[in-house]
Each structure stands twice: as structure tokens, then as C-alpha cells.
Amino acid sequence: MTRIDDRVRERAHRIWEEEGRPAGRADLHWAMARQSVALEESDRLAHAPCPKADGTETPRIQERLREKDQAPNAR
């Protein structure tokens, strides 16, 4: 099992407990947990350092925004 799988399992269990441990909602709790963990991972990756050729690092989202602004069709 991967680290993400563990997080989804733990999150689904927490959601189940927060809802009062209802029966028959496991699929919904798993879907909610998967979505929540996926959003967290997406945010984490967007802000992960992006190594540059000169050895410096910038968050990926900032790099992408700069590239977009420098594109020939940028307004």
C-alpha cells in the first residue's frame, strides 16, 4: 500500500467517524477521501520546488505563470 493509499484509508475512516459511523456509506466516504487527498497532492505538487538550470529553485506555479506572461500571445 502506498503513502497516498494510507492517507485515503485514514481520511475515509475519519469521515465515517465524523458522520457517526453510519452503515452503507463506505463508497461515498472513500470517494470523498480520494478527492480530498487528490486536491492536497495537487496543491503540494504545484508548490514543489522546480530546479532551474542555474541551481535556484522556484515554485512550479510561479514558473508557469512567468512562462505564460512571456509567451508571444500573452496580453
C-alpha atoms as a PDB file:
ATOM      1  CA  MET A   1       0.000   0.000   0.000  1.00  0.00           C
ATOM      2  CA  THR A   2       1.331   3.442  -0.886  1.00  0.00           C
ATOM      3  CA  ARG A   3       1.529   6.511   1.301  1.00  0.00           C
ATOM      4  CA  ILE A   4      -1.397   8.026  -0.614  1.00  0.00           C
ATOM      5  CA  ASP A   5      -3.469   4.864  -0.189  1.00  0.00           C
ATOM      6  CA  ASP A   6      -2.817   5.051   3.547  1.00  0.00           C
ATOM      7  CA  ARG A   7      -3.930   8.683   3.641  1.00  0.00           C
ATOM      8  CA  VAL A   8      -7.127   7.878   1.726  1.00  0.00           C
ATOM      9  CA  ARG A   9      -7.914   4.991   4.074  1.00  0.00           C
ATOM     10  CA  GLU A  10      -7.290   7.131   7.162  1.00  0.00           C
ATOM     11  CA  ARG A  11      -9.318  10.031   5.748  1.00  0.00           C
ATOM     12  CA  ALA A  12     -12.257   7.765   4.827  1.00  0.00           C
ATOM     13  CA  HIS A  13     -12.210   6.323   8.341  1.00  0.00           C
ATOM     14  CA  ARG A  14     -12.182   9.804   9.859  1.00  0.00           C
ATOM     15  CA  ILE A  15     -15.111  10.897   7.648  1.00  0.00           C
ATOM     16  CA  TRP A  16     -17.020   7.757   8.677  1.00  0.00           C
ATOM     17  CA  GLU A  17     -16.407   8.509  12.351  1.00  0.00           C
ATOM     18  CA  GLU A  18     -17.307  12.204  11.972  1.00  0.00           C
ATOM     19  CA  GLU A  19     -20.629  11.189  10.401  1.00  0.00           C
ATOM     20  CA  GLY A  20     -21.436   8.963  13.374  1.00  0.00           C
ATOM     21  CA  ARG A  21     -20.268   5.667  11.830  1.00  0.00           C
ATOM     22  CA  PRO A  22     -23.252   5.160   9.521  1.00  0.00           C
ATOM     23  CA  ALA A  23     -23.680   1.843   7.723  1.00  0.00           C
ATOM     24  CA  GLY A  24     -23.834   1.650   3.931  1.00  0.00           C
ATOM     25  CA  ARG A  25     -21.865   4.814   3.121  1.00  0.00           C
ATOM     26  CA  ALA A  26     -18.389   3.342   2.672  1.00  0.00           C
ATOM     27  CA  ASP A  27     -18.285   4.063  -1.083  1.00  0.00           C
ATOM     28  CA  LEU A  28     -19.202   7.710  -0.511  1.00  0.00           C
ATOM     29  CA  HIS A  29     -16.623   8.064   2.262  1.00  0.00           C
ATOM     30  CA  TRP A  30     -13.913   6.549   0.045  1.00  0.00           C
ATOM     31  CA  ALA A  31     -14.834   8.888  -2.828  1.00  0.00           C
ATOM     32  CA  MET A  32     -14.763  11.905  -0.528  1.00  0.00           C
ATOM     33  CA  ALA A  33     -11.419  10.833   0.912  1.00  0.00           C
ATOM     34  CA  ARG A  34      -9.882  10.205  -2.524  1.00  0.00           C
ATOM     35  CA  GLN A  35     -10.971  13.643  -3.726  1.00  0.00           C
ATOM     36  CA  SER A  36      -9.660  15.362  -0.612  1.00  0.00           C
ATOM     37  CA  VAL A  37      -6.263  13.654  -0.784  1.00  0.00           C
ATOM     38  CA  ALA A  38      -6.010  14.282  -4.542  1.00  0.00           C
ATOM     39  CA  LEU A  39      -6.595  18.006  -4.000  1.00  0.00           C
ATOM     40  CA  GLU A  40      -3.944  18.096  -1.293  1.00  0.00           C
ATOM     41  CA  GLU A  41      -1.454  16.283  -3.535  1.00  0.00           C
ATOM     42  CA  SER A  42      -2.201  18.604  -6.439  1.00  0.00           C
ATOM     43  CA  ASP A  43      -1.602  21.640  -4.244  1.00  0.00           C
ATOM     44  CA  ARG A  44       1.596  20.115  -2.851  1.00  0.00           C
ATOM     45  CA  LEU A  45       2.960  19.407  -6.329  1.00  0.00           C
ATOM     46  CA  ALA A  46       2.027  22.856  -7.600  1.00  0.00           C
ATOM     47  CA  HIS A  47       4.126  24.413  -4.867  1.00  0.00           C
ATOM     48  CA  ALA A  48       7.028  21.980  -5.007  1.00  0.00           C
ATOM     49  CA  PRO A  49      10.384  23.477  -5.896  1.00  0.00           C
ATOM     50  CA  CYS A  50      11.224  23.417  -9.583  1.00  0.00           C
ATOM     51  CA  PRO A  51      15.008  23.223 -10.104  1.00  0.00           C
ATOM     52  CA  LYS A  52      16.369  25.766 -12.558  1.00  0.00           C
ATOM     53  CA  ALA A  53      19.462  25.419 -14.720  1.00  0.00           C
ATOM     54  CA  ASP A  54      21.291  27.977 -12.574  1.00  0.00           C
ATOM     55  CA  GLY A  55      20.739  25.933  -9.408  1.00  0.00           C
ATOM     56  CA  THR A  56      17.996  28.107  -7.938  1.00  0.00           C
ATOM     57  CA  GLU A  57      14.508  26.841  -7.257  1.00  0.00           C
ATOM     58  CA  THR A  58      11.100  28.439  -7.679  1.00  0.00           C
ATOM     59  CA  PRO A  59       7.645  27.069  -7.003  1.00  0.00           C
ATOM     60  CA  ARG A  60       6.294  25.472 -10.184  1.00  0.00           C
ATOM     61  CA  ILE A  61       3.173  27.601 -10.265  1.00  0.00           C
ATOM     62  CA  GLN A  62       5.235  30.804 -10.283  1.00  0.00           C
ATOM     63  CA  GLU A  63       7.410  29.423 -13.067  1.00  0.00           C
ATOM     64  CA  ARG A  64       4.372  28.529 -15.166  1.00  0.00           C
ATOM     65  CA  LEU A  65       2.863  31.973 -14.674  1.00  0.00           C
ATOM     66  CA  ARG A  66       6.105  33.621 -15.785  1.00  0.00           C
ATOM     67  CA  GLU A  67       6.262  31.399 -18.869  1.00  0.00           C
ATOM     68  CA  LYS A  68       2.670  32.274 -19.710  1.00  0.00           C
ATOM     69  CA  ASP A  69       3.403  36.011 -19.347  1.00  0.00           C
ATOM     70  CA  GLN A  70       6.441  35.689 -21.603  1.00  0.00           C
ATOM     71  CA  ALA A  71       4.594  33.772 -24.320  1.00  0.00           C
ATOM     72  CA  PRO A  72       4.245  35.650 -27.634  1.00  0.00           C
ATOM     73  CA  ASN A  73       0.429  35.647 -27.396  1.00  0.00           C
ATOM     74  CA  ALA A  74       0.328  36.873 -23.794  1.00  0.00           C
ATOM     75  CA  ARG A  75      -1.704  40.023 -23.190  1.00  0.00           C
END
